Amino acid sequence: MDRDVTETEFINMLEKGQRVFNKICVEQGAFKGVDLSGLTFEECLFSVDFSDSKLENTKFINSNLKTCIFTDCILNKAVFVGNYLDGTNFSGAKVEGITFKTIPFMLTCSRSHILPR
C-alpha cells in the first residue's frame, strides 16, 4: 500500500468528494451506518467494521479486506473482484446482483497458512 490513512483522514477524503481510492491502507476504525455507495477501492487494504453501511454499486478490486465486518450491509450490485478475504464477515448482508470473484490461493509448505499468489 502506498499510504496509511486514519479513520478521520478517510472521512475527510469522503467529505471532500473523493470517489476513487487507490492503494490506501485503513487498518483501524469503524464506518458503521455510513453511505459508501458508488465508491471504488483498488489495491487497498482495509481491516475495519462497515456494519450497517450502504455500499451499493461500490467496487473493491484487488484489495485486502482482512477481518472486515460487512454485517447487515447493503451490498446490492457491489463488485468484489480479486480480493483477499481473511476472516471477513458478510452475515446478514443484502447482496442482490453482487459480483464476487476471488483470487486463487496457494498453501505455503513452510508455515501452513494461506497466502495469495
PDB file of N, CA and C in Angstrom:
ATOM      1  N   MET A   1       0.834  -1.173   0.000  1.00  0.00           N
ATOM      2  CA  MET A   1       0.000   0.000   0.000  1.00  0.00           C
ATOM      3  C   MET A   1       0.882   1.241   0.000  1.00  0.00           C
ATOM      4  N   ASP A   2       0.445   2.235  -0.675  1.00  0.00           N
ATOM      5  CA  ASP A   2       1.217   3.466  -0.775  1.00  0.00           C
ATOM      6  C   ASP A   2       1.018   4.411   0.402  1.00  0.00           C
ATOM      7  N   ARG A   3      -0.169   4.382   1.017  1.00  0.00           N
ATOM      8  CA  ARG A   3      -0.449   5.400   2.019  1.00  0.00           C
ATOM      9  C   ARG A   3      -1.319   4.870   3.152  1.00  0.00           C
ATOM     10  N   ASP A   4      -0.828   4.986   4.387  1.00  0.00           N
ATOM     11  CA  ASP A   4      -1.640   4.682   5.553  1.00  0.00           C
ATOM     12  C   ASP A   4      -2.583   5.848   5.794  1.00  0.00           C
ATOM     13  N   VAL A   5      -3.846   5.530   6.041  1.00  0.00           N
ATOM     14  CA  VAL A   5      -4.863   6.553   6.236  1.00  0.00           C
ATOM     15  C   VAL A   5      -5.613   6.247   7.526  1.00  0.00           C
ATOM     16  N   THR A   6      -5.790   7.252   8.367  1.00  0.00           N
ATOM     17  CA  THR A   6      -6.562   7.068   9.595  1.00  0.00           C
ATOM     18  C   THR A   6      -8.057   7.140   9.276  1.00  0.00           C
ATOM     19  N   GLU A   7      -8.861   6.732  10.237  1.00  0.00           N
ATOM     20  CA  GLU A   7     -10.315   6.819  10.092  1.00  0.00           C
ATOM     21  C   GLU A   7     -10.743   8.262   9.795  1.00  0.00           C
ATOM     22  N   THR A   8     -10.182   9.212  10.515  1.00  0.00           N
ATOM     23  CA  THR A   8     -10.516  10.626  10.336  1.00  0.00           C
ATOM     24  C   THR A   8     -10.097  11.125   8.960  1.00  0.00           C
ATOM     25  N   GLU A   9      -8.906  10.753   8.517  1.00  0.00           N
ATOM     26  CA  GLU A   9      -8.443  11.164   7.187  1.00  0.00           C
ATOM     27  C   GLU A   9      -9.352  10.604   6.095  1.00  0.00           C
ATOM     28  N   PHE A  10      -9.779   9.345   6.267  1.00  0.00           N
ATOM     29  CA  PHE A  10     -10.661   8.727   5.286  1.00  0.00           C
ATOM     30  C   PHE A  10     -11.998   9.472   5.212  1.00  0.00           C
ATOM     31  N   ILE A  11     -12.566   9.793   6.354  1.00  0.00           N
ATOM     32  CA  ILE A  11     -13.829  10.547   6.395  1.00  0.00           C
ATOM     33  C   ILE A  11     -13.644  11.911   5.729  1.00  0.00           C
ATOM     34  N   ASN A  12     -12.519  12.570   5.982  1.00  0.00           N
ATOM     35  CA  ASN A  12     -12.241  13.865   5.353  1.00  0.00           C
ATOM     36  C   ASN A  12     -12.166  13.747   3.830  1.00  0.00           C
ATOM     37  N   MET A  13     -11.555  12.681   3.338  1.00  0.00           N
ATOM     38  CA  MET A  13     -11.475  12.458   1.892  1.00  0.00           C
ATOM     39  C   MET A  13     -12.880  12.313   1.300  1.00  0.00           C
ATOM     40  N   LEU A  14     -13.737  11.569   2.008  1.00  0.00           N
ATOM     41  CA  LEU A  14     -15.116  11.396   1.547  1.00  0.00           C
ATOM     42  C   LEU A  14     -15.862  12.725   1.523  1.00  0.00           C
ATOM     43  N   GLU A  15     -15.694  13.497   2.584  1.00  0.00           N
ATOM     44  CA  GLU A  15     -16.384  14.790   2.683  1.00  0.00           C
ATOM     45  C   GLU A  15     -15.938  15.761   1.593  1.00  0.00           C
ATOM     46  N   LYS A  16     -14.705  15.604   1.121  1.00  0.00           N
ATOM     47  CA  LYS A  16     -14.195  16.456   0.039  1.00  0.00           C
ATOM     48  C   LYS A  16     -14.621  15.950  -1.338  1.00  0.00           C
ATOM     49  N   GLY A  17     -15.373  14.840  -1.362  1.00  0.00           N
ATOM     50  CA  GLY A  17     -15.911  14.339  -2.616  1.00  0.00           C
ATOM     51  C   GLY A  17     -15.098  13.280  -3.317  1.00  0.00           C
ATOM     52  N   GLN A  18     -14.055  12.781  -2.704  1.00  0.00           N
ATOM     53  CA  GLN A  18     -13.257  11.741  -3.352  1.00  0.00           C
ATOM     54  C   GLN A  18     -14.108  10.489  -3.513  1.00  0.00           C
ATOM     55  N   ARG A  19     -14.098   9.902  -4.707  1.00  0.00           N
ATOM     56  CA  ARG A  19     -14.918   8.732  -5.012  1.00  0.00           C
ATOM     57  C   ARG A  19     -14.092   7.499  -5.382  1.00  0.00           C
ATOM     58  N   VAL A  20     -12.816   7.719  -5.747  1.00  0.00           N
ATOM     59  CA  VAL A  20     -11.935   6.619  -6.145  1.00  0.00           C
ATOM     60  C   VAL A  20     -10.725   6.621  -5.225  1.00  0.00           C
ATOM     61  N   PHE A  21     -10.422   5.448  -4.675  1.00  0.00           N
ATOM     62  CA  PHE A  21      -9.304   5.305  -3.745  1.00  0.00           C
ATOM     63  C   PHE A  21      -8.378   4.223  -4.275  1.00  0.00           C
ATOM     64  N   ASN A  22      -7.095   4.536  -4.356  1.00  0.00           N
ATOM     65  CA  ASN A  22      -6.119   3.605  -4.883  1.00  0.00           C
ATOM     66  C   ASN A  22      -4.966   3.494  -3.902  1.00  0.00           C
ATOM     67  N   LYS A  23      -4.674   2.252  -3.509  1.00  0.00           N
ATOM     68  CA  LYS A  23      -3.517   1.924  -2.675  1.00  0.00           C
ATOM     69  C   LYS A  23      -3.494   2.662  -1.340  1.00  0.00           C
ATOM     70  N   ILE A  24      -4.662   2.700  -0.667  1.00  0.00           N
ATOM     71  CA  ILE A  24      -4.678   3.245   0.689  1.00  0.00           C
ATOM     72  C   ILE A  24      -4.806   2.091   1.671  1.00  0.00           C
ATOM     73  N   CYS A  25      -4.376   2.331   2.897  1.00  0.00           N
ATOM     74  CA  CYS A  25      -4.408   1.331   3.951  1.00  0.00           C
ATOM     75  C   CYS A  25      -5.126   1.925   5.167  1.00  0.00           C
ATOM     76  N   VAL A  26      -6.272   1.336   5.511  1.00  0.00           N
ATOM     77  CA  VAL A  26      -7.026   1.764   6.690  1.00  0.00           C
ATOM     78  C   VAL A  26      -7.188   0.524   7.569  1.00  0.00           C
ATOM     79  N   GLU A  27      -6.375   0.431   8.610  1.00  0.00           N
ATOM     80  CA  GLU A  27      -6.360  -0.779   9.426  1.00  0.00           C
ATOM     81  C   GLU A  27      -7.098  -0.654  10.742  1.00  0.00           C
ATOM     82  N   GLN A  28      -7.599   0.517  11.061  1.00  0.00           N
ATOM     83  CA  GLN A  28      -8.379   0.674  12.287  1.00  0.00           C
ATOM     84  C   GLN A  28      -9.528   1.611  12.011  1.00  0.00           C
ATOM     85  N   GLY A  29     -10.650   1.328  12.643  1.00  0.00           N
ATOM     86  CA  GLY A  29     -11.779   2.232  12.514  1.00  0.00           C
ATOM     87  C   GLY A  29     -13.081   1.497  12.328  1.00  0.00           C
ATOM     88  N   ALA A  30     -14.141   2.254  12.452  1.00  0.00           N
ATOM     89  CA  ALA A  30     -15.481   1.735  12.253  1.00  0.00           C
ATOM     90  C   ALA A  30     -16.245   2.744  11.409  1.00  0.00           C
ATOM     91  N   PHE A  31     -16.831   2.249  10.348  1.00  0.00           N
ATOM     92  CA  PHE A  31     -17.625   3.075   9.455  1.00  0.00           C
ATOM     93  C   PHE A  31     -19.049   2.525   9.463  1.00  0.00           C
ATOM     94  N   LYS A  32     -19.624   2.412  10.645  1.00  0.00           N
ATOM     95  CA  LYS A  32     -20.956   1.834  10.826  1.00  0.00           C
ATOM     96  C   LYS A  32     -22.026   2.811  10.364  1.00  0.00           C
ATOM     97  N   GLY A  33     -22.937   2.295   9.548  1.00  0.00           N
ATOM     98  CA  GLY A  33     -24.063   3.089   9.099  1.00  0.00           C
ATOM     99  C   GLY A  33     -23.711   4.202   8.126  1.00  0.00           C
ATOM    100  N   VAL A  34     -22.566   4.112   7.485  1.00  0.00           N
ATOM    101  CA  VAL A  34     -22.102   5.148   6.558  1.00  0.00           C
ATOM    102  C   VAL A  34     -22.530   4.782   5.132  1.00  0.00           C
ATOM    103  N   ASP A  35     -22.894   5.791   4.343  1.00  0.00           N
ATOM    104  CA  ASP A  35     -23.224   5.552   2.937  1.00  0.00           C
ATOM    105  C   ASP A  35     -21.953   5.682   2.101  1.00  0.00           C
ATOM    106  N   LEU A  36     -21.457   4.542   1.636  1.00  0.00           N
ATOM    107  CA  LEU A  36     -20.256   4.481   0.808  1.00  0.00           C
ATOM    108  C   LEU A  36     -20.604   3.989  -0.595  1.00  0.00           C
ATOM    109  N   SER A  37     -21.830   4.207  -1.002  1.00  0.00           N
ATOM    110  CA  SER A  37     -22.299   3.734  -2.307  1.00  0.00           C
ATOM    111  C   SER A  37     -21.550   4.404  -3.449  1.00  0.00           C
ATOM    112  N   GLY A  38     -21.257   3.584  -4.474  1.00  0.00           N
ATOM    113  CA  GLY A  38     -20.659   4.101  -5.696  1.00  0.00           C
ATOM    114  C   GLY A  38     -19.176   4.406  -5.625  1.00  0.00           C
ATOM    115  N   LEU A  39     -18.526   4.079  -4.520  1.00  0.00           N
ATOM    116  CA  LEU A  39     -17.088   4.323  -4.412  1.00  0.00           C
ATOM    117  C   LEU A  39     -16.318   3.180  -5.064  1.00  0.00           C
ATOM    118  N   THR A  40     -15.062   3.457  -5.422  1.00  0.00           N
ATOM    119  CA  THR A  40     -14.173   2.436  -5.968  1.00  0.00           C
ATOM    120  C   THR A  40     -12.917   2.377  -5.119  1.00  0.00           C
ATOM    121  N   PHE A  41     -12.572   1.148  -4.690  1.00  0.00           N
ATOM    122  CA  PHE A  41     -11.356   0.903  -3.925  1.00  0.00           C
ATOM    123  C   PHE A  41     -10.508  -0.089  -4.709  1.00  0.00           C
ATOM    124  N   GLU A  42      -9.334   0.345  -5.130  1.00  0.00           N
ATOM    125  CA  GLU A  42      -8.472  -0.514  -5.930  1.00  0.00           C
ATOM    126  C   GLU A  42      -7.115  -0.647  -5.261  1.00  0.00           C
ATOM    127  N   GLU A  43      -6.700  -1.908  -5.055  1.00  0.00           N
ATOM    128  CA  GLU A  43      -5.426  -2.235  -4.410  1.00  0.00           C
ATOM    129  C   GLU A  43      -5.316  -1.565  -3.040  1.00  0.00           C
ATOM    130  N   CYS A  44      -6.391  -1.649  -2.269  1.00  0.00           N
ATOM    131  CA  CYS A  44      -6.426  -1.060  -0.923  1.00  0.00           C
ATOM    132  C   CYS A  44      -6.360  -2.155   0.131  1.00  0.00           C
ATOM    133  N   LEU A  45      -6.073  -1.768   1.340  1.00  0.00           N
ATOM    134  CA  LEU A  45      -6.100  -2.678   2.480  1.00  0.00           C
ATOM    135  C   LEU A  45      -7.031  -2.078   3.522  1.00  0.00           C
ATOM    136  N   PHE A  46      -8.026  -2.865   3.921  1.00  0.00           N
ATOM    137  CA  PHE A  46      -8.948  -2.467   4.973  1.00  0.00           C
ATOM    138  C   PHE A  46      -9.021  -3.555   6.024  1.00  0.00           C
ATOM    139  N   SER A  47      -9.087  -3.157   7.268  1.00  0.00           N
ATOM    140  CA  SER A  47      -9.359  -4.056   8.375  1.00  0.00           C
ATOM    141  C   SER A  47     -10.244  -3.280   9.347  1.00  0.00           C
ATOM    142  N   VAL A  48     -11.485  -3.050   8.918  1.00  0.00           N
ATOM    143  CA  VAL A  48     -12.396  -2.163   9.646  1.00  0.00           C
ATOM    144  C   VAL A  48     -13.804  -2.754   9.708  1.00  0.00           C
ATOM    145  N   ASP A  49     -14.662  -2.098  10.462  1.00  0.00           N
ATOM    146  CA  ASP A  49     -16.053  -2.507  10.637  1.00  0.00           C
ATOM    147  C   ASP A  49     -16.953  -1.606   9.786  1.00  0.00           C
ATOM    148  N   PHE A  50     -17.584  -2.201   8.761  1.00  0.00           N
ATOM    149  CA  PHE A  50     -18.515  -1.486   7.900  1.00  0.00           C
ATOM    150  C   PHE A  50     -19.974  -1.818   8.249  1.00  0.00           C
ATOM    151  N   SER A  51     -20.242  -2.415   9.398  1.00  0.00           N
ATOM    152  CA  SER A  51     -21.592  -2.875   9.749  1.00  0.00           C
ATOM    153  C   SER A  51     -22.655  -1.828   9.466  1.00  0.00           C
ATOM    154  N   ASP A  52     -23.788  -2.307   8.960  1.00  0.00           N
ATOM    155  CA  ASP A  52     -24.973  -1.481   8.704  1.00  0.00           C
ATOM    156  C   ASP A  52     -24.740  -0.353   7.697  1.00  0.00           C
ATOM    157  N   SER A  53     -23.667  -0.431   6.930  1.00  0.00           N
ATOM    158  CA  SER A  53     -23.375   0.613   5.947  1.00  0.00           C
ATOM    159  C   SER A  53     -24.016   0.278   4.602  1.00  0.00           C
ATOM    160  N   LYS A  54     -24.142   1.285   3.789  1.00  0.00           N
ATOM    161  CA  LYS A  54     -24.686   1.136   2.451  1.00  0.00           C
ATOM    162  C   LYS A  54     -23.529   1.211   1.461  1.00  0.00           C
ATOM    163  N   LEU A  55     -23.311   0.112   0.727  1.00  0.00           N
ATOM    164  CA  LEU A  55     -22.219   0.023  -0.235  1.00  0.00           C
ATOM    165  C   LEU A  55     -22.743  -0.422  -1.600  1.00  0.00           C
ATOM    166  N   GLU A  56     -23.904   0.071  -1.983  1.00  0.00           N
ATOM    167  CA  GLU A  56     -24.462  -0.295  -3.283  1.00  0.00           C
ATOM    168  C   GLU A  56     -23.571   0.251  -4.396  1.00  0.00           C
ATOM    169  N   ASN A  57     -23.353  -0.586  -5.416  1.00  0.00           N
ATOM    170  CA  ASN A  57     -22.526  -0.204  -6.574  1.00  0.00           C
ATOM    171  C   ASN A  57     -21.093   0.173  -6.187  1.00  0.00           C
ATOM    172  N   THR A  58     -20.647  -0.227  -5.030  1.00  0.00           N
ATOM    173  CA  THR A  58     -19.271   0.022  -4.605  1.00  0.00           C
ATOM    174  C   THR A  58     -18.385  -1.090  -5.151  1.00  0.00           C
ATOM    175  N   LYS A  59     -17.150  -0.727  -5.540  1.00  0.00           N
ATOM    176  CA  LYS A  59     -16.226  -1.700  -6.128  1.00  0.00           C
ATOM    177  C   LYS A  59     -14.999  -1.858  -5.241  1.00  0.00           C
ATOM    178  N   PHE A  60     -14.682  -3.104  -4.912  1.00  0.00           N
ATOM    179  CA  PHE A  60     -13.441  -3.462  -4.235  1.00  0.00           C
ATOM    180  C   PHE A  60     -12.672  -4.339  -5.219  1.00  0.00           C
ATOM    181  N   ILE A  61     -11.544  -3.849  -5.698  1.00  0.00           N
ATOM    182  CA  ILE A  61     -10.789  -4.559  -6.725  1.00  0.00           C
ATOM    183  C   ILE A  61      -9.361  -4.789  -6.251  1.00  0.00           C
ATOM    184  N   ASN A  62      -8.934  -6.058  -6.299  1.00  0.00           N
ATOM    185  CA  ASN A  62      -7.565  -6.443  -5.929  1.00  0.00           C
ATOM    186  C   ASN A  62      -7.147  -5.847  -4.588  1.00  0.00           C
ATOM    187  N   SER A  63      -8.035  -5.932  -3.622  1.00  0.00           N
ATOM    188  CA  SER A  63      -7.774  -5.355  -2.303  1.00  0.00           C
ATOM    189  C   SER A  63      -7.692  -6.441  -1.241  1.00  0.00           C
ATOM    190  N   ASN A  64      -7.161  -6.081  -0.101  1.00  0.00           N
ATOM    191  CA  ASN A  64      -7.082  -6.963   1.052  1.00  0.00           C
ATOM    192  C   ASN A  64      -8.124  -6.479   2.053  1.00  0.00           C
ATOM    193  N   LEU A  65      -9.129  -7.320   2.306  1.00  0.00           N
ATOM    194  CA  LEU A  65     -10.222  -6.954   3.202  1.00  0.00           C
ATOM    195  C   LEU A  65     -10.195  -7.815   4.452  1.00  0.00           C
ATOM    196  N   LYS A  66      -9.000  -7.990   5.001  1.00  0.00           N
ATOM    197  CA  LYS A  66      -8.814  -8.886   6.147  1.00  0.00           C
ATOM    198  C   LYS A  66      -9.630  -8.433   7.348  1.00  0.00           C
ATOM    199  N   THR A  67     -10.353  -9.371   7.884  1.00  0.00           N
ATOM    200  CA  THR A  67     -11.182  -9.192   9.084  1.00  0.00           C
ATOM    201  C   THR A  67     -12.202  -8.064   8.990  1.00  0.00           C
ATOM    202  N   CYS A  68     -12.516  -7.597   7.796  1.00  0.00           N
ATOM    203  CA  CYS A  68     -13.565  -6.580   7.661  1.00  0.00           C
ATOM    204  C   CYS A  68     -14.918  -7.166   8.059  1.00  0.00           C
ATOM    205  N   ILE A  69     -15.750  -6.328   8.603  1.00  0.00           N
ATOM    206  CA  ILE A  69     -17.095  -6.733   9.005  1.00  0.00           C
ATOM    207  C   ILE A  69     -18.094  -5.991   8.123  1.00  0.00           C
ATOM    208  N   PHE A  70     -18.839  -6.760   7.332  1.00  0.00           N
ATOM    209  CA  PHE A  70     -19.872  -6.213   6.464  1.00  0.00           C
ATOM    210  C   PHE A  70     -21.256  -6.663   6.947  1.00  0.00           C
ATOM    211  N   THR A  71     -21.397  -6.937   8.238  1.00  0.00           N
ATOM    212  CA  THR A  71     -22.636  -7.431   8.813  1.00  0.00           C
ATOM    213  C   THR A  71     -23.782  -6.447   8.559  1.00  0.00           C
ATOM    214  N   ASP A  72     -24.887  -6.986   8.023  1.00  0.00           N
ATOM    215  CA  ASP A  72     -26.112  -6.220   7.775  1.00  0.00           C
ATOM    216  C   ASP A  72     -25.913  -5.035   6.828  1.00  0.00           C
ATOM    217  N   CYS A  73     -24.890  -5.095   5.996  1.00  0.00           N
ATOM    218  CA  CYS A  73     -24.664  -4.037   4.991  1.00  0.00           C
ATOM    219  C   CYS A  73     -25.584  -4.237   3.795  1.00  0.00           C
ATOM    220  N   ILE A  74     -25.805  -3.163   3.078  1.00  0.00           N
ATOM    221  CA  ILE A  74     -26.489  -3.244   1.789  1.00  0.00           C
ATOM    222  C   ILE A  74     -25.393  -3.240   0.726  1.00  0.00           C
ATOM    223  N   LEU A  75     -25.192  -4.404   0.114  1.00  0.00           N
ATOM    224  CA  LEU A  75     -24.131  -4.588  -0.882  1.00  0.00           C
ATOM    225  C   LEU A  75     -24.705  -4.845  -2.269  1.00  0.00           C
ATOM    226  N   ASN A  76     -25.953  -4.462  -2.484  1.00  0.00           N
ATOM    227  CA  ASN A  76     -26.585  -4.702  -3.775  1.00  0.00           C
ATOM    228  C   ASN A  76     -25.765  -4.095  -4.904  1.00  0.00           C
ATOM    229  N   LYS A  77     -25.537  -4.907  -5.934  1.00  0.00           N
ATOM    230  CA  LYS A  77     -24.784  -4.527  -7.139  1.00  0.00           C
ATOM    231  C   LYS A  77     -23.344  -4.104  -6.840  1.00  0.00           C
ATOM    232  N   ALA A  78     -22.828  -4.474  -5.679  1.00  0.00           N
ATOM    233  CA  ALA A  78     -21.418  -4.220  -5.369  1.00  0.00           C
ATOM    234  C   ALA A  78     -20.557  -5.191  -6.172  1.00  0.00           C
ATOM    235  N   VAL A  79     -19.295  -4.831  -6.336  1.00  0.00           N
ATOM    236  CA  VAL A  79     -18.354  -5.659  -7.089  1.00  0.00           C
ATOM    237  C   VAL A  79     -17.160  -5.963  -6.186  1.00  0.00           C
ATOM    238  N   PHE A  80     -16.898  -7.245  -6.002  1.00  0.00           N
ATOM    239  CA  PHE A  80     -15.729  -7.720  -5.258  1.00  0.00           C
ATOM    240  C   PHE A  80     -14.944  -8.613  -6.209  1.00  0.00           C
ATOM    241  N   VAL A  81     -13.830  -8.118  -6.728  1.00  0.00           N
ATOM    242  CA  VAL A  81     -13.054  -8.881  -7.705  1.00  0.00           C
ATOM    243  C   VAL A  81     -11.591  -8.915  -7.280  1.00  0.00           C
ATOM    244  N   GLY A  82     -11.046 -10.130  -7.173  1.00  0.00           N
ATOM    245  CA  GLY A  82      -9.624 -10.307  -6.906  1.00  0.00           C
ATOM    246  C   GLY A  82      -9.181  -9.910  -5.520  1.00  0.00           C
ATOM    247  N   ASN A  83     -10.081  -9.979  -4.546  1.00  0.00           N
ATOM    248  CA  ASN A  83      -9.743  -9.549  -3.186  1.00  0.00           C
ATOM    249  C   ASN A  83      -9.290 -10.705  -2.311  1.00  0.00           C
ATOM    250  N   TYR A  84      -8.481 -10.377  -1.333  1.00  0.00           N
ATOM    251  CA  TYR A  84      -8.047 -11.324  -0.315  1.00  0.00           C
ATOM    252  C   TYR A  84      -8.965 -11.161   0.883  1.00  0.00           C
ATOM    253  N   LEU A  85      -9.658 -12.243   1.252  1.00  0.00           N
ATOM    254  CA  LEU A  85     -10.624 -12.201   2.345  1.00  0.00           C
ATOM    255  C   LEU A  85     -10.166 -13.158   3.441  1.00  0.00           C
ATOM    256  N   ASP A  86      -9.756 -12.628   4.555  1.00  0.00           N
ATOM    257  CA  ASP A  86      -9.286 -13.438   5.674  1.00  0.00           C
ATOM    258  C   ASP A  86     -10.081 -13.031   6.908  1.00  0.00           C
ATOM    259  N   GLY A  87     -11.047 -13.846   7.296  1.00  0.00           N
ATOM    260  CA  GLY A  87     -11.869 -13.530   8.450  1.00  0.00           C
ATOM    261  C   GLY A  87     -12.918 -12.458   8.173  1.00  0.00           C
ATOM    262  N   THR A  88     -13.212 -12.218   6.905  1.00  0.00           N
ATOM    263  CA  THR A  88     -14.197 -11.215   6.519  1.00  0.00           C
ATOM    264  C   THR A  88     -15.601 -11.760   6.786  1.00  0.00           C
ATOM    265  N   ASN A  89     -16.468 -10.913   7.358  1.00  0.00           N
ATOM    266  CA  ASN A  89     -17.797 -11.339   7.774  1.00  0.00           C
ATOM    267  C   ASN A  89     -18.868 -10.610   6.964  1.00  0.00           C
ATOM    268  N   PHE A  90     -19.712 -11.387   6.262  1.00  0.00           N
ATOM    269  CA  PHE A  90     -20.801 -10.826   5.468  1.00  0.00           C
ATOM    270  C   PHE A  90     -22.175 -11.213   6.035  1.00  0.00           C
ATOM    271  N   SER A  91     -22.267 -11.570   7.300  1.00  0.00           N
ATOM    272  CA  SER A  91     -23.518 -12.042   7.901  1.00  0.00           C
ATOM    273  C   SER A  91     -24.638 -11.018   7.737  1.00  0.00           C
ATOM    274  N   GLY A  92     -25.774 -11.488   7.247  1.00  0.00           N
ATOM    275  CA  GLY A  92     -26.954 -10.643   7.133  1.00  0.00           C
ATOM    276  C   GLY A  92     -26.895  -9.574   6.062  1.00  0.00           C
ATOM    277  N   ALA A  93     -25.860  -9.574   5.248  1.00  0.00           N
ATOM    278  CA  ALA A  93     -25.722  -8.553   4.200  1.00  0.00           C
ATOM    279  C   ALA A  93     -26.719  -8.804   3.070  1.00  0.00           C
ATOM    280  N   LYS A  94     -27.217  -7.728   2.501  1.00  0.00           N
ATOM    281  CA  LYS A  94     -28.088  -7.802   1.330  1.00  0.00           C
ATOM    282  C   LYS A  94     -27.179  -7.777   0.101  1.00  0.00           C
ATOM    283  N   VAL A  95     -27.295  -8.802  -0.741  1.00  0.00           N
ATOM    284  CA  VAL A  95     -26.317  -8.984  -1.820  1.00  0.00           C
ATOM    285  C   VAL A  95     -26.951  -9.169  -3.200  1.00  0.00           C
ATOM    286  N   GLU A  96     -28.092  -8.584  -3.432  1.00  0.00           N
ATOM    287  CA  GLU A  96     -28.761  -8.737  -4.722  1.00  0.00           C
ATOM    288  C   GLU A  96     -27.903  -8.146  -5.844  1.00  0.00           C
ATOM    289  N   GLY A  97     -27.621  -8.966  -6.857  1.00  0.00           N
ATOM    290  CA  GLY A  97     -26.872  -8.508  -8.019  1.00  0.00           C
ATOM    291  C   GLY A  97     -25.385  -8.297  -7.776  1.00  0.00           C
ATOM    292  N   ILE A  98     -24.851  -8.852  -6.706  1.00  0.00           N
ATOM    293  CA  ILE A  98     -23.430  -8.676  -6.374  1.00  0.00           C
ATOM    294  C   ILE A  98     -22.559  -9.467  -7.354  1.00  0.00           C
ATOM    295  N   THR A  99     -21.387  -8.932  -7.657  1.00  0.00           N
ATOM    296  CA  THR A  99     -20.372  -9.653  -8.433  1.00  0.00           C
ATOM    297  C   THR A  99     -19.269 -10.018  -7.458  1.00  0.00           C
ATOM    298  N   PHE A 100     -18.938 -11.306  -7.412  1.00  0.00           N
ATOM    299  CA  PHE A 100     -17.983 -11.763  -6.419  1.00  0.00           C
ATOM    300  C   PHE A 100     -17.038 -12.765  -7.064  1.00  0.00           C
ATOM    301  N   LYS A 101     -15.786 -12.356  -7.277  1.00  0.00           N
ATOM    302  CA  LYS A 101     -14.768 -13.251  -7.827  1.00  0.00           C
ATOM    303  C   LYS A 101     -13.535 -13.135  -6.955  1.00  0.00           C
ATOM    304  N   THR A 102     -13.105 -14.262  -6.406  1.00  0.00           N
ATOM    305  CA  THR A 102     -11.943 -14.248  -5.520  1.00  0.00           C
ATOM    306  C   THR A 102     -10.667 -14.529  -6.294  1.00  0.00           C
ATOM    307  N   ILE A 103      -9.543 -14.324  -5.614  1.00  0.00           N
ATOM    308  CA  ILE A 103      -8.250 -14.624  -6.208  1.00  0.00           C
ATOM    309  C   ILE A 103      -7.875 -16.061  -5.879  1.00  0.00           C
ATOM    310  N   PRO A 104      -7.040 -16.670  -6.701  1.00  0.00           N
ATOM    311  CA  PRO A 104      -6.576 -18.023  -6.368  1.00  0.00           C
ATOM    312  C   PRO A 104      -5.634 -17.983  -5.167  1.00  0.00           C
ATOM    313  N   PHE A 105      -5.674 -19.041  -4.392  1.00  0.00           N
ATOM    314  CA  PHE A 105      -4.818 -19.127  -3.211  1.00  0.00           C
ATOM    315  C   PHE A 105      -3.864 -20.291  -3.346  1.00  0.00           C
ATOM    316  N   MET A 106      -2.769 -20.207  -2.610  1.00  0.00           N
ATOM    317  CA  MET A 106      -1.855 -21.339  -2.550  1.00  0.00           C
ATOM    318  C   MET A 106      -1.473 -21.559  -1.098  1.00  0.00           C
ATOM    319  N   LEU A 107      -1.151 -22.771  -0.764  1.00  0.00           N
ATOM    320  CA  LEU A 107      -0.758 -23.109   0.597  1.00  0.00           C
ATOM    321  C   LEU A 107       0.757 -23.167   0.655  1.00  0.00           C
ATOM    322  N   THR A 108       1.346 -22.415   1.572  1.00  0.00           N
ATOM    323  CA  THR A 108       2.800 -22.466   1.704  1.00  0.00           C
ATOM    324  C   THR A 108       3.178 -23.674   2.532  1.00  0.00           C
ATOM    325  N   CYS A 109       4.243 -24.332   2.162  1.00  0.00           N
ATOM    326  CA  CYS A 109       4.676 -25.538   2.863  1.00  0.00           C
ATOM    327  C   CYS A 109       5.340 -25.226   4.195  1.00  0.00           C
ATOM    328  N   SER A 110       6.056 -24.134   4.269  1.00  0.00           N
ATOM    329  CA  SER A 110       6.857 -23.865   5.452  1.00  0.00           C
ATOM    330  C   SER A 110       6.047 -23.442   6.672  1.00  0.00           C
ATOM    331  N   ARG A 111       4.963 -22.734   6.472  1.00  0.00           N
ATOM    332  CA  ARG A 111       4.211 -22.227   7.624  1.00  0.00           C
ATOM    333  C   ARG A 111       2.767 -22.710   7.647  1.00  0.00           C
ATOM    334  N   SER A 112       2.325 -23.382   6.619  1.00  0.00           N
ATOM    335  CA  SER A 112       0.978 -23.931   6.533  1.00  0.00           C
ATOM    336  C   SER A 112      -0.119 -22.898   6.741  1.00  0.00           C
ATOM    337  N   HIS A 113       0.052 -21.718   6.197  1.00  0.00           N
ATOM    338  CA  HIS A 113      -1.049 -20.760   6.193  1.00  0.00           C
ATOM    339  C   HIS A 113      -1.298 -20.296   4.758  1.00  0.00           C
ATOM    340  N   ILE A 114      -2.447 -19.798   4.508  1.00  0.00           N
ATOM    341  CA  ILE A 114      -2.846 -19.461   3.149  1.00  0.00           C
ATOM    342  C   ILE A 114      -2.368 -18.061   2.796  1.00  0.00           C
ATOM    343  N   LEU A 115      -1.743 -17.966   1.646  1.00  0.00           N
ATOM    344  CA  LEU A 115      -1.273 -16.681   1.121  1.00  0.00           C
ATOM    345  C   LEU A 115      -1.799 -16.505  -0.290  1.00  0.00           C
ATOM    346  N   PRO A 116      -2.090 -15.277  -0.685  1.00  0.00           N
ATOM    347  CA  PRO A 116      -2.490 -15.065  -2.075  1.00  0.00           C
ATOM    348  C   PRO A 116      -1.316 -15.255  -3.005  1.00  0.00           C
ATOM    349  N   ARG A 117      -1.570 -15.680  -4.225  1.00  0.00           N
ATOM    350  CA  ARG A 117      -0.495 -15.823  -5.220  1.00  0.00           C
ATOM    351  C   ARG A 117       0.011 -14.490  -5.641  1.00  0.00           C
TER     352      ARG A 117
END
